[in-house]
């Protein structure tokens, strides 16, 4: 059966063309109504028109039962009455839109996947068009056409992003602001000559720090309209927590902190405030239903933050490691389990978080946990927020047998090259057997200064863990273009690459906030610069420390939130959120913006024929 496909304008549409017309399908013919919205930053086009750099449009449809693609071109100023693009009815159709310039080069791209074309019906398809092969800001929360504006309901950093079954993304919690007043001695500054922190008299001192405060809301981003469409209340403020998708589409939020101190002495940066005295996020889990906008409490197995989490296919969520408070000190979770402590592993199967019987081989604060089939792989981590340890890079847990396997074997000589385990790194599955680990905080030698322990700094390393290798040993680590930690990763993209975004670099302190991107694959010796189709190097519109990066169903990546700087020991930067008050500094450090990265720059084949310059 064939249906007729149309693109038409709605009240919100910025494009009005027609596919299928009276001569082909009849004036009342059914079809596909495309409703387009464009990203910010192009100048407000008149209502009903596309951005000014579009000379023509191409619309293509592909899917089962269609050989290749069915495409048609339209000039910007034409209204193609009688144009006919007939598409067989069926499920799982992919609709692509390209807006090209007068030279025929695509400038604006949009895609809808999983579209069902129904005979004798008109199916609306919403598309958010972004710059092809580039970065484009998402639309404003309030629907405004142009920045400056808030693109998230509140500033967020070290939040979570969870892609839902319908393709929308839930952005939950995170730090909302950083207090302007320091919670340490403000006279304590980094002294490069001594390699440590000193006060005005030149004596060693405790470094300055600031207090970060978490938020108790969640935003729902809809890729089809290009903006946050709904905001929910959480039961408690939480940041540095985990969020896991359950089979019914609800999201399990576990642990986190309401407040944390931000440090700058080169150790891993965050030290949770006390886990008692009203800081309930660490003790309470909740189950958020993004369809109903409701959240219900879940009994948690003790206070926990900065842990790993992963969902297994049968719907069981496993929580690994993290940090808690013991005898007044913040320590990593794992190894020996003390009475009253959270278990090294915990699982959720519908009602409560329950203790797992398998301990971690090492305490792991700030690890990364990913599910690989029925196995759980926990990578990196530290004994405590201010101390790293040597040990196996990762461990594999088999829930069915309750066996824990080191990865690689503790006697593997490759461990000598790493020494300490990374924290604040990323771990991205690239296929059913391999995980790409990138960057992270690693120990470096300190020969002077007030602290005897090793100092830490971002590293430019990647590591590929191959579960399919007979020895389960990591491969030779390729290198990133620059040191990177506290960043985000998304992938694999269509070509198998992983996108790394933001974070901090340098050998500081102070450390350098990053607005750069790079793409890396397991086969490469190092990362590569991200460029658009014309060879221009891309960068985020603001530095983003602790952002999220989410691979969307259409192959694009949503990059959201993050700190715009680490202000410890220096003055606060310009506001990271448009209506923040830099003087009060409540939101000056935290971004309320988000942007879309389109990883492809298409070559239209055959070349466009409509609307081109003579």
Protein backbone atom coordinates (compact mmCIF):
# COMPACT_ATOMS: atom_id res chain seq x y z
CA UNK A 1 0.00 0.00 0.00
CA UNK A 2 1.22 3.50 -0.74
CA UNK A 3 0.65 6.60 1.31
CA UNK A 4 1.23 10.18 0.25
CA UNK A 5 3.84 12.18 2.18
CA UNK A 6 3.42 15.88 2.73
CA UNK A 7 5.40 18.52 4.54
CA UNK A 8 3.18 21.29 5.73
CA UNK A 9 3.14 24.20 8.13
CA UNK A 10 1.49 24.21 11.53
CA UNK A 11 1.20 27.18 13.83
CA UNK A 12 4.70 26.41 15.11
CA UNK A 13 6.28 25.42 11.83
CA UNK A 14 8.99 27.49 10.21
CA UNK A 15 8.79 25.78 6.85
CA UNK A 16 5.88 25.41 4.48
CA UNK A 17 6.26 23.12 1.49
CA UNK A 18 4.06 20.38 0.18
CA UNK A 19 4.87 16.84 -0.81
CA UNK A 20 1.95 15.21 -2.57
CA UNK A 21 -0.80 17.29 -4.07
CA UNK A 22 -4.23 17.28 -5.59
CA UNK A 23 -3.10 15.83 -8.89
CA UNK A 24 -1.45 12.84 -7.27
CA UNK A 25 -3.29 12.14 -4.07
CA UNK A 26 -6.36 14.33 -4.08
CA UNK A 27 -6.93 17.42 -1.98
CA UNK A 28 -7.82 15.34 1.05
CA UNK A 29 -5.12 12.70 0.54
CA UNK A 30 -3.56 11.17 3.65
CA UNK A 31 0.18 11.34 4.26
CA UNK A 32 2.97 12.54 6.50
CA UNK A 33 2.82 16.13 7.77
CA UNK A 34 6.30 17.42 8.64
CA UNK A 35 6.48 20.19 11.23
CA UNK A 36 9.93 21.76 11.50
CA UNK A 37 11.61 23.91 14.09
CA UNK A 38 15.12 25.28 13.78
CA UNK A 39 17.89 25.73 16.34
CA UNK A 40 18.80 29.05 17.90
CA UNK A 41 21.34 31.58 16.76
CA UNK A 42 20.34 32.11 13.12
CA UNK A 43 18.36 35.34 13.42
CA UNK A 44 14.58 35.16 13.82
CA UNK A 45 13.13 34.10 10.45
CA UNK A 46 9.69 35.45 9.59
CA UNK A 47 6.89 33.15 10.69
CA UNK A 48 6.42 30.41 8.14
CA UNK A 49 9.90 30.78 6.63
CA UNK A 50 13.14 28.88 6.96
CA UNK A 51 16.49 30.42 7.98
CA UNK A 52 17.83 32.83 5.34
CA UNK A 53 20.75 30.61 4.25
CA UNK A 54 18.37 27.95 2.91
CA UNK A 55 17.85 28.07 -0.86
CA UNK A 56 16.08 24.74 -1.21
CA UNK A 57 14.96 21.64 0.64
CA UNK A 58 15.35 17.92 0.19
CA UNK A 59 13.09 15.43 1.96
CA UNK A 60 13.90 11.71 1.87
CA UNK A 61 12.10 8.67 3.24
CA UNK A 62 13.65 5.22 3.75
CA UNK A 63 12.70 1.99 5.46
CA UNK A 64 11.65 -1.63 4.97
CA UNK A 65 10.16 -2.22 1.55
CA UNK A 66 11.80 0.90 0.08
CA UNK A 67 14.84 0.48 -2.13
CA UNK A 68 17.40 3.08 -1.06
CA UNK A 69 15.67 6.40 -0.38
CA UNK A 70 12.73 8.20 -1.94
CA UNK A 71 13.76 11.86 -2.19
CA UNK A 72 12.49 15.10 -3.68
CA UNK A 73 13.96 18.63 -3.90
CA UNK A 74 12.05 21.91 -3.58
CA UNK A 75 13.15 25.49 -4.13
CA UNK A 76 12.68 27.77 -1.17
CA UNK A 77 10.16 30.05 -2.85
CA UNK A 78 8.15 27.44 -4.71
CA UNK A 79 4.94 25.79 -3.64
CA UNK A 80 5.05 22.49 -5.52
CA UNK A 81 1.40 21.82 -6.12
CA UNK A 82 1.07 18.44 -7.74
CA UNK A 83 4.46 17.17 -6.54
CA UNK A 84 4.15 13.53 -5.66
CA UNK A 85 6.34 11.47 -3.34
CA UNK A 86 4.48 8.25 -2.76
CA UNK A 87 5.73 6.05 0.07
CA UNK A 88 4.62 2.50 0.88
CA UNK A 89 2.73 2.29 4.14
CA UNK A 90 4.61 0.51 6.88
CA UNK A 91 6.53 0.82 10.13
CA UNK A 92 10.06 1.92 10.97
CA UNK A 93 10.33 4.66 8.36
CA UNK A 94 13.20 7.16 8.55
CA UNK A 95 12.47 10.71 7.36
CA UNK A 96 15.41 13.02 6.58
CA UNK A 97 15.24 16.74 5.94
CA UNK A 98 18.08 18.78 4.41
CA UNK A 99 18.05 22.52 3.94
CA UNK A 100 20.76 23.43 1.42
CA UNK A 101 22.31 26.72 0.35
CA UNK A 102 22.54 28.26 -3.12
CA UNK A 103 25.61 26.14 -3.89
CA UNK A 104 23.77 22.93 -3.03
CA UNK A 105 25.62 22.30 0.27
CA UNK A 106 23.45 21.06 3.14
CA UNK A 107 23.28 23.53 6.05
CA UNK A 108 20.39 22.30 8.16
CA UNK A 109 19.64 18.65 8.93
CA UNK A 110 16.86 16.82 10.75
CA UNK A 111 15.83 13.19 11.08
CA UNK A 112 12.89 11.28 12.48
CA UNK A 113 13.24 7.53 13.07
CA UNK A 114 10.71 4.81 13.73
CA UNK A 115 7.90 6.60 11.85
CA UNK A 116 4.85 4.55 10.94
CA UNK A 117 3.17 5.48 7.65
CA UNK A 118 -0.48 4.42 7.87
CA UNK A 119 -2.71 4.05 4.85
CA UNK A 120 -5.53 6.59 4.63
CA UNK A 121 -4.18 8.60 7.56
CA UNK A 122 -2.04 11.67 7.98
CA UNK A 123 0.74 11.17 10.52
CA UNK A 124 2.39 14.31 11.95
CA UNK A 125 6.16 14.13 12.22
CA UNK A 126 8.00 16.74 14.27
CA UNK A 127 11.57 17.59 13.33
CA UNK A 128 14.17 19.77 15.05
CA UNK A 129 16.68 20.99 12.47
CA UNK A 130 20.24 21.71 13.54
CA UNK A 131 23.38 22.74 11.69
CA UNK A 132 24.72 19.78 9.68
CA UNK A 133 28.00 18.50 11.12
CA UNK A 134 28.11 21.25 13.74
CA UNK A 135 26.87 22.41 17.14
CA UNK A 136 23.51 24.13 17.54
CA UNK A 137 21.89 25.48 20.74
CA UNK A 138 18.60 23.87 21.65
CA UNK A 139 15.52 26.04 21.87
CA UNK A 140 14.62 28.13 24.91
CA UNK A 141 12.58 26.66 27.74
CA UNK A 142 9.99 29.39 27.28
CA UNK A 143 9.80 28.85 23.52
CA UNK A 144 11.57 32.10 22.65
CA UNK A 145 13.12 32.12 19.18
CA UNK A 146 16.47 33.60 20.09
CA UNK A 147 19.09 33.54 22.85
CA UNK A 148 20.00 34.73 25.37
CA UNK A 149 17.66 32.49 27.28
CA UNK A 150 17.50 29.52 29.61
CA UNK A 151 17.59 26.26 27.75
CA UNK A 152 17.35 24.20 30.95
CA UNK A 153 14.81 25.11 33.63
CA UNK A 154 17.65 25.58 36.16
CA UNK A 155 21.45 25.43 35.94
CA UNK A 156 22.74 21.86 36.25
CA UNK A 157 26.18 20.31 36.75
CA UNK A 158 27.09 16.76 37.73
CA UNK A 159 23.50 15.77 37.02
CA UNK A 160 22.32 12.67 35.16
CA UNK A 161 20.85 12.18 31.68
CA UNK A 162 18.66 9.16 30.91
CA UNK A 163 17.32 8.41 27.45
CA UNK A 164 13.76 7.10 27.69
CA UNK A 165 12.20 4.43 25.43
CA UNK A 166 10.39 7.09 23.36
CA UNK A 167 13.66 8.95 22.65
CA UNK A 168 13.18 11.80 25.11
CA UNK A 169 15.89 12.56 27.68
CA UNK A 170 15.42 13.04 31.42
CA UNK A 171 17.95 15.44 33.00
CA UNK A 172 17.75 15.03 36.77
CA UNK A 173 19.20 16.90 39.73
CA UNK A 174 22.73 18.24 39.69
CA UNK A 175 24.41 21.16 41.41
CA UNK A 176 22.43 24.33 40.86
CA UNK A 177 24.73 26.94 42.36
CA UNK A 178 28.05 27.49 44.07
CA UNK A 179 28.16 29.65 47.18
CA UNK A 180 30.22 32.79 46.77
CA UNK A 181 31.56 32.55 50.29
CA UNK A 182 34.47 30.17 50.69
CA UNK A 183 34.20 27.39 53.25
CA UNK A 184 37.98 27.30 53.77
CA UNK A 185 40.61 29.92 54.51
CA UNK A 186 40.33 32.56 51.71
CA UNK A 187 43.95 33.63 52.20
CA UNK A 188 45.16 30.19 51.17
CA UNK A 189 46.43 30.33 47.58
CA UNK A 190 48.48 28.15 45.25
CA UNK A 191 52.17 29.09 45.27
CA UNK A 192 53.92 27.87 42.08
CA UNK A 193 57.36 28.54 43.57
CA UNK A 194 56.81 26.12 46.43
CA UNK A 195 54.50 23.75 44.59
CA UNK A 196 51.89 23.98 47.34
CA UNK A 197 49.29 26.19 49.01
CA UNK A 198 50.50 28.97 51.30
CA UNK A 199 48.90 31.82 53.22
CA UNK A 200 49.95 35.47 53.21
CA UNK A 201 52.88 34.69 55.52
CA UNK A 202 54.18 31.94 53.25
CA UNK A 203 53.14 29.12 55.53
CA UNK A 204 51.51 25.95 54.24
CA UNK A 205 47.73 26.04 54.48
CA UNK A 206 44.55 24.19 53.59
CA UNK A 207 43.33 25.25 50.13
CA UNK A 208 40.32 27.42 49.57
CA UNK A 209 37.10 25.70 48.62
CA UNK A 210 33.48 26.51 47.90
CA UNK A 211 30.20 24.80 48.67
CA UNK A 212 28.05 23.39 45.86
CA UNK A 213 24.32 23.01 46.43
CA UNK A 214 22.11 20.53 44.55
CA UNK A 215 18.70 20.99 42.91
CA UNK A 216 15.50 18.97 43.36
CA UNK A 217 14.02 19.05 39.85
CA UNK A 218 14.30 17.13 36.58
CA UNK A 219 13.88 18.40 32.99
CA UNK A 220 12.38 16.40 30.15
CA UNK A 221 13.98 17.17 26.77
CA UNK A 222 12.08 16.31 23.58
CA UNK A 223 14.41 15.92 20.54
CA UNK A 224 11.51 16.30 18.11
CA UNK A 225 10.82 19.89 19.19
CA UNK A 226 14.34 20.75 20.34
CA UNK A 227 13.63 21.96 23.85
CA UNK A 228 12.76 21.05 27.43
CA UNK A 229 9.01 20.47 27.45
CA UNK A 230 8.36 19.58 31.09
CA UNK A 231 9.95 19.93 34.54
CA UNK A 232 9.32 17.59 37.49
CA UNK A 233 9.97 17.85 41.21
CA UNK A 234 12.26 15.30 42.88
CA UNK A 235 11.71 14.17 46.45
CA UNK A 236 15.04 15.63 47.58
CA UNK A 237 17.88 17.65 46.04
CA UNK A 238 20.62 15.39 44.70
CA UNK A 239 23.83 15.59 42.67
CA UNK A 240 26.62 13.08 42.05
CA UNK A 241 23.90 10.42 42.07
CA UNK A 242 22.93 7.70 39.59
CA UNK A 243 19.92 7.35 37.30
CA UNK A 244 18.93 4.00 35.76
CA UNK A 245 16.17 3.23 33.27
CA UNK A 246 13.75 0.47 34.29
CA UNK A 247 11.82 -1.73 31.82
CA UNK A 248 8.52 0.10 32.40
CA UNK A 249 10.07 3.46 31.42
CA UNK A 250 10.45 4.78 34.96
CA UNK A 251 13.85 5.96 36.20
CA UNK A 252 15.52 4.89 39.46
CA UNK A 253 17.53 7.69 41.15
CA UNK A 254 19.91 6.50 43.86
CA UNK A 255 21.95 8.42 46.41
CA UNK A 256 23.95 11.54 45.73
CA UNK A 257 24.56 14.53 47.92
CA UNK A 258 22.71 17.73 48.67
CA UNK A 259 25.95 19.62 49.27
CA UNK A 260 29.63 19.05 48.51
CA UNK A 261 32.84 21.02 48.92
CA UNK A 262 34.74 21.89 45.78
CA UNK A 263 38.50 21.64 46.28
CA UNK A 264 41.45 22.76 44.19
CA UNK A 265 44.55 21.13 45.67
CA UNK A 266 44.87 18.66 42.81
CA UNK A 267 43.08 15.77 44.52
CA UNK A 268 39.76 14.53 43.13
CA UNK A 269 37.66 17.60 43.54
CA UNK A 270 34.49 16.79 45.45
CA UNK A 271 34.21 16.05 49.15
CA UNK A 272 30.62 15.42 50.29
CA UNK A 273 29.38 17.34 53.25
CA UNK A 274 28.31 15.19 56.20
CA UNK A 275 25.91 12.41 55.29
CA UNK A 276 23.82 13.20 58.36
CA UNK A 277 21.95 16.21 59.63
CA UNK A 278 19.25 16.52 57.02
CA UNK A 279 21.26 15.65 53.91
CA UNK A 280 18.72 13.06 52.85
CA UNK A 281 19.70 12.50 49.22
CA UNK A 282 22.43 10.06 50.24
CA UNK A 283 19.99 7.83 52.12
CA UNK A 284 16.95 8.05 49.88
CA UNK A 285 16.32 6.59 46.45
CA UNK A 286 13.29 7.39 44.33
CA UNK A 287 11.49 6.06 41.29
CA UNK A 288 10.48 8.82 38.87
CA UNK A 289 7.73 8.30 36.32
CA UNK A 290 8.40 10.82 33.52
CA UNK A 291 5.05 10.07 31.88
CA UNK A 292 2.97 10.85 34.97
CA UNK A 293 5.40 13.35 36.47
CA UNK A 294 5.34 11.60 39.85
CA UNK A 295 8.07 10.20 42.08
CA UNK A 296 7.84 7.60 44.83
CA UNK A 297 10.41 6.82 47.55
CA UNK A 298 12.50 3.64 47.48
CA UNK A 299 14.19 2.22 50.57
CA UNK A 300 17.95 2.54 50.07
CA UNK A 301 20.69 0.35 51.50
CA UNK A 302 22.61 3.04 53.38
CA UNK A 303 24.10 6.40 52.33
CA UNK A 304 25.97 6.38 49.05
CA UNK A 305 27.21 8.89 46.48
CA UNK A 306 29.56 9.01 43.47
CA UNK A 307 28.95 5.33 42.71
CA UNK A 308 28.53 3.30 39.54
CA UNK A 309 25.19 2.00 38.28
CA UNK A 310 24.05 -0.20 35.40
CA UNK A 311 20.85 -1.94 34.31
CA UNK A 312 20.83 -5.58 33.25
CA UNK A 313 18.47 -6.80 30.50
CA UNK A 314 16.01 -8.38 32.93
CA UNK A 315 15.48 -5.02 34.62
CA UNK A 316 17.71 -5.47 37.67
CA UNK A 317 19.75 -2.36 38.49
CA UNK A 318 23.14 -2.89 40.10
CA UNK A 319 24.83 -0.19 42.18
CA UNK A 320 28.60 -0.52 42.70
CA UNK A 321 31.01 1.23 45.01
CA UNK A 322 30.79 4.94 45.71
CA UNK A 323 31.57 6.84 48.85
CA UNK A 324 30.09 6.99 52.35
CA UNK A 325 31.02 8.31 55.78
CA UNK A 326 32.71 6.11 58.38
CA UNK A 327 33.77 7.45 61.77
CA UNK A 328 33.45 10.99 60.46
CA UNK A 329 35.63 10.35 57.41
CA UNK A 330 34.55 10.03 53.78
CA UNK A 331 35.71 6.67 52.43
CA UNK A 332 35.25 4.53 49.36
CA UNK A 333 32.81 1.62 49.39
CA UNK A 334 34.07 -1.88 48.62
CA UNK A 335 36.42 -4.52 49.91
CA UNK A 336 35.48 -5.18 53.52
CA UNK A 337 31.88 -4.22 54.31
CA UNK A 338 31.45 -2.68 57.76
CA UNK A 339 28.29 -2.89 59.83
CA UNK A 340 25.99 -0.04 58.85
CA UNK A 341 27.91 0.68 55.65
CA UNK A 342 26.33 0.35 52.22
CA UNK A 343 27.23 -2.95 50.56
CA UNK A 344 29.88 -2.99 47.88
CA UNK A 345 27.14 -4.00 45.47
CA UNK A 346 23.42 -3.36 45.80
CA UNK A 347 20.61 -4.36 43.46
CA UNK A 348 17.10 -3.15 42.72
CA UNK A 349 14.45 -5.48 41.33
CA UNK A 350 11.25 -3.53 41.86
CA UNK A 351 10.80 -2.55 45.51
CA UNK A 352 13.94 -1.89 47.56
CA UNK A 353 17.68 -1.65 47.16
CA UNK A 354 19.10 -4.86 48.57
CA UNK A 355 22.65 -5.75 49.55
CA UNK A 356 24.58 -7.84 47.07
CA UNK A 357 26.66 -10.74 48.35
CA UNK A 358 29.79 -10.02 46.26
CA UNK A 359 32.26 -7.45 47.55
CA UNK A 360 34.37 -5.31 45.28
CA UNK A 361 38.02 -6.31 45.14
CA UNK A 362 38.95 -2.73 46.06
CA UNK A 363 37.13 0.30 47.44
CA UNK A 364 36.01 2.30 44.44
CA UNK A 365 35.02 5.94 44.86
CA UNK A 366 33.87 7.54 41.56
CA UNK A 367 34.09 4.38 39.41
CA UNK A 368 32.21 3.76 36.18
CA UNK A 369 29.96 0.70 35.88
CA UNK A 370 28.56 -0.59 32.58
CA UNK A 371 26.48 -3.65 31.72
CA UNK A 372 27.88 -5.92 29.03
CA UNK A 373 25.17 -8.50 28.37
CA UNK A 374 24.61 -10.21 31.71
CA UNK A 375 27.93 -9.06 33.16
CA UNK A 376 28.74 -5.91 35.12
CA UNK A 377 32.08 -4.19 34.59
CA UNK A 378 33.23 -1.66 37.21
CA UNK A 379 36.20 0.45 36.13
CA UNK A 380 38.55 2.66 38.13
CA UNK A 381 37.82 4.33 41.43
CA UNK A 382 39.67 5.43 44.54
CA UNK A 383 39.84 4.41 48.18
CA UNK A 384 38.57 7.84 49.26
CA UNK A 385 38.03 11.29 47.75
CA UNK A 386 41.60 12.32 48.64
CA UNK A 387 43.50 9.06 48.11
CA UNK A 388 43.94 6.81 45.09
CA UNK A 389 45.15 3.24 45.19
CA UNK A 390 46.97 0.84 42.95
CA UNK A 391 45.09 -2.24 41.84
CA UNK A 392 43.35 -3.89 38.95
CA UNK A 393 41.85 -1.39 36.54
CA UNK A 394 38.47 -3.10 36.41
CA UNK A 395 36.54 -6.07 37.70
CA UNK A 396 33.80 -8.13 36.11
CA UNK A 397 30.90 -9.39 38.22
CA UNK A 398 28.68 -12.30 37.15
CA UNK A 399 25.40 -11.96 39.13
CA UNK A 400 24.31 -15.53 38.35
CA UNK A 401 27.45 -17.12 39.79
CA UNK A 402 28.31 -14.22 42.14
CA UNK A 403 31.89 -14.41 40.89
CA UNK A 404 34.18 -11.36 40.68
CA UNK A 405 36.99 -11.47 38.14
CA UNK A 406 39.84 -8.93 37.95
CA UNK A 407 40.44 -7.27 34.59
CA UNK A 408 43.26 -7.74 33.80
CA UNK A 409 44.87 -10.29 36.09
CA UNK A 410 46.68 -8.57 39.02
CA UNK A 411 49.99 -9.93 37.75
CA UNK A 412 49.58 -8.41 34.28
CA UNK A 413 52.59 -6.13 33.56
CA UNK A 414 50.34 -3.57 31.84
CA UNK A 415 49.21 -2.47 35.29
CA UNK A 416 52.64 -1.02 35.94
CA UNK A 417 52.06 1.62 33.27
CA UNK A 418 48.94 2.85 35.05
CA UNK A 419 49.80 2.43 38.69
CA UNK A 420 46.88 4.27 40.26
CA UNK A 421 43.29 3.73 39.19
CA UNK A 422 41.55 6.59 37.33
CA UNK A 423 38.66 8.58 38.75
CA UNK A 424 36.37 11.06 36.97
CA UNK A 425 36.94 9.19 33.72
CA UNK A 426 34.37 7.88 31.21
CA UNK A 427 33.60 4.32 30.11
CA UNK A 428 31.64 3.76 26.89
CA UNK A 429 30.70 0.36 25.42
CA UNK A 430 31.55 0.37 21.71
CA UNK A 431 30.24 -3.11 20.94
CA UNK A 432 29.27 -6.28 22.80
CA UNK A 433 32.83 -6.96 23.97
CA UNK A 434 34.83 -3.72 24.19
CA UNK A 435 34.69 -0.67 26.44
CA UNK A 436 36.53 2.58 25.68
CA UNK A 437 37.85 4.25 28.86
CA UNK A 438 38.95 7.87 28.41
CA UNK A 439 40.87 10.38 30.49
CA UNK A 440 40.36 10.73 34.21
CA UNK A 441 42.22 11.91 37.27
CA UNK A 442 45.41 9.98 37.94
CA UNK A 443 48.21 10.29 40.47
CA UNK A 444 51.37 12.23 39.68
CA UNK A 445 54.40 12.71 41.89
CA UNK A 446 54.60 15.75 44.16
CA UNK A 447 58.03 16.52 45.58
CA UNK A 448 57.11 19.45 47.79
CA UNK A 449 54.14 21.25 49.23
CA UNK A 450 52.11 20.68 52.38
CA UNK A 451 50.64 17.29 51.43
CA UNK A 452 52.71 14.13 51.48
CA UNK A 453 50.31 12.16 49.30
CA UNK A 454 50.64 12.19 45.51
CA UNK A 455 48.94 15.03 43.67
CA UNK A 456 46.48 14.35 40.89
CA UNK A 457 45.80 15.78 37.47
CA UNK A 458 43.83 14.97 34.30
CA UNK A 459 45.51 12.52 31.95
CA UNK A 460 45.35 12.23 28.13
CA UNK A 461 45.00 8.45 28.13
CA UNK A 462 42.46 6.04 26.75
CA UNK A 463 42.19 2.35 27.40
CA UNK A 464 40.24 -0.37 25.62
CA UNK A 465 38.95 -3.19 27.83
CA UNK A 466 38.23 -6.26 25.69
CA UNK A 467 36.07 -8.83 27.44
CA UNK A 468 36.32 -11.12 24.44
CA UNK A 469 40.11 -11.47 24.63
CA UNK A 470 41.30 -14.70 26.15
CA UNK A 471 43.34 -12.93 28.85
CA UNK A 472 40.78 -10.15 29.40
CA UNK A 473 43.75 -7.77 29.24
CA UNK A 474 43.55 -4.14 28.16
CA UNK A 475 45.06 -3.17 24.83
CA UNK A 476 47.82 -0.61 24.38
CA UNK A 477 46.27 2.71 25.43
CA UNK A 478 45.99 5.32 22.68
CA UNK A 479 46.25 9.00 23.63
CA UNK A 480 43.78 11.87 23.70
CA UNK A 481 44.58 15.22 22.15
CA UNK A 482 44.75 16.82 25.59
CA UNK A 483 44.41 15.80 29.24
CA UNK A 484 40.76 15.50 30.16
CA UNK A 485 38.77 14.64 33.30
CA UNK A 486 35.32 15.47 34.67
CA UNK A 487 34.10 15.27 31.08
CA UNK A 488 31.30 13.39 29.31
CA UNK A 489 31.27 10.79 26.54
CA UNK A 490 28.62 9.58 24.11
CA UNK A 491 28.68 6.79 21.58
CA UNK A 492 29.19 4.81 19.64
CA UNK A 493 28.31 7.15 16.77
CA UNK A 494 27.36 5.70 13.37
CA UNK A 495 31.03 5.21 12.46
CA UNK A 496 31.85 3.57 15.80
CA UNK A 497 33.57 6.62 17.26
CA UNK A 498 33.02 8.02 20.75
CA UNK A 499 32.53 11.77 21.30
CA UNK A 500 34.28 13.35 24.31
CA UNK A 501 33.02 16.74 25.49
CA UNK A 502 34.21 19.35 27.97
CA UNK A 503 35.82 18.62 31.35
CA UNK A 504 39.03 20.05 32.76
CA UNK A 505 42.59 19.80 31.48
CA UNK A 506 46.06 21.06 32.22
CA UNK A 507 48.44 20.09 34.98
CA UNK A 508 47.30 22.81 37.49
CA UNK A 509 46.07 23.72 39.88
CA UNK A 510 44.35 25.80 38.79
CA UNK A 511 43.00 23.51 36.10
CA UNK A 512 41.79 24.62 32.69
CA UNK A 513 38.06 24.40 31.93
CA UNK A 514 37.55 22.81 28.51
CA UNK A 515 35.11 23.71 25.75
CA UNK A 516 36.76 21.37 23.26
CA UNK A 517 35.48 18.16 21.69
CA UNK A 518 37.30 15.21 20.24
CA UNK A 519 36.36 11.92 18.65
CA UNK A 520 38.18 8.69 19.36
CA UNK A 521 37.80 5.07 18.25
CA UNK A 522 39.34 1.88 19.57
CA UNK A 523 41.33 1.42 16.37
CA UNK A 524 43.03 4.84 16.45
CA UNK A 525 46.31 5.72 18.09
CA UNK A 526 44.87 9.03 19.36
CA UNK A 527 41.81 11.22 19.33
CA UNK A 528 41.02 13.60 16.51
CA UNK A 529 39.78 17.16 16.33
CA UNK A 530 36.08 17.61 15.66
CA UNK A 531 35.44 19.74 12.58
CA UNK A 532 32.40 20.69 10.54
CA UNK A 533 32.07 19.96 6.85
CA UNK A 534 34.12 23.03 5.93
CA UNK A 535 37.09 22.18 8.15
CA UNK A 536 36.23 24.60 10.97
CA UNK A 537 37.19 23.27 14.40
CA UNK A 538 34.13 22.96 16.60
CA UNK A 539 33.98 23.89 20.26
CA UNK A 540 31.22 24.05 22.81
CA UNK A 541 29.66 27.46 23.30
CA UNK A 542 30.87 27.50 26.88
CA UNK A 543 33.27 25.37 28.92
CA UNK A 544 31.40 22.50 30.51
CA UNK A 545 32.78 20.71 33.59
CA UNK A 546 30.59 17.81 34.68
CA UNK A 547 28.13 17.97 31.76
CA UNK A 548 26.10 15.12 30.32
CA UNK A 549 26.36 13.84 26.73
CA UNK A 550 23.51 11.68 25.44
CA UNK A 551 23.37 9.82 22.13
CA UNK A 552 19.89 10.41 20.68
CA UNK A 553 17.92 8.00 18.51
CA UNK A 554 18.63 10.08 15.39
CA UNK A 555 22.42 9.81 15.89
CA UNK A 556 22.91 13.32 17.25
CA UNK A 557 24.29 14.08 20.72
CA UNK A 558 22.71 16.29 23.40
CA UNK A 559 25.34 18.06 25.55
CA UNK A 560 23.81 19.75 28.60
CA UNK A 561 24.83 21.78 31.65
CA UNK A 562 28.13 21.76 33.52
CA UNK A 563 30.23 24.18 35.54
CA UNK A 564 31.70 26.93 33.39
CA UNK A 565 34.83 27.18 35.56
CA UNK A 566 36.47 26.01 38.77
CA UNK A 567 36.64 29.25 40.74
CA UNK A 568 38.50 27.99 43.76
CA UNK A 569 41.28 30.37 44.68
CA UNK A 570 40.30 33.05 42.16
CA UNK A 571 37.44 35.40 41.39
CA UNK A 572 34.18 34.08 40.02
CA UNK A 573 33.74 34.14 36.23
CA UNK A 574 30.91 35.63 34.23
CA UNK A 575 27.51 34.11 34.75
CA UNK A 576 27.03 30.66 33.32
CA UNK A 577 23.26 31.18 33.22
CA UNK A 578 21.75 34.13 31.43
CA UNK A 579 19.69 35.56 34.27
CA UNK A 580 22.13 34.71 37.05
CA UNK A 581 23.51 37.46 39.25
CA UNK A 582 27.34 37.25 39.06
CA UNK A 583 27.66 39.44 42.14
CA UNK A 584 25.58 37.06 44.22
CA UNK A 585 27.24 34.15 42.37
CA UNK A 586 24.40 31.80 43.22
CA UNK A 587 24.19 30.57 39.64
CA UNK A 588 27.24 32.26 38.13
CA UNK A 589 29.25 29.05 37.83
CA UNK A 590 26.65 26.64 36.52
CA UNK A 591 25.37 26.50 32.95
CA UNK A 592 21.67 26.41 32.13
CA UNK A 593 22.37 25.85 28.43
CA UNK A 594 22.47 22.83 26.14
CA UNK A 595 23.45 22.17 22.55
CA UNK A 596 23.14 19.49 19.89
CA UNK A 597 26.11 18.00 18.04
CA UNK A 598 25.36 16.62 14.59
CA UNK A 599 28.19 14.18 13.82
CA UNK A 600 27.63 13.97 10.06
CA UNK A 601 28.02 16.39 7.18
CA UNK A 602 26.00 14.77 4.39
CA UNK A 603 26.86 14.91 0.72
CA UNK A 604 23.64 15.11 -1.24
CA UNK A 605 23.71 12.50 -4.00
CA UNK A 606 22.48 13.24 -6.56
CA UNK A 607 23.19 16.99 -6.19
CA UNK A 608 20.16 19.22 -5.56
CA UNK A 609 18.33 20.61 -8.56
CA UNK A 610 15.93 23.18 -7.10
CA UNK A 611 16.65 26.69 -5.84
CA UNK A 612 20.34 26.76 -6.81
CA UNK A 613 22.20 29.91 -7.81
CA UNK A 614 22.46 30.36 -11.62
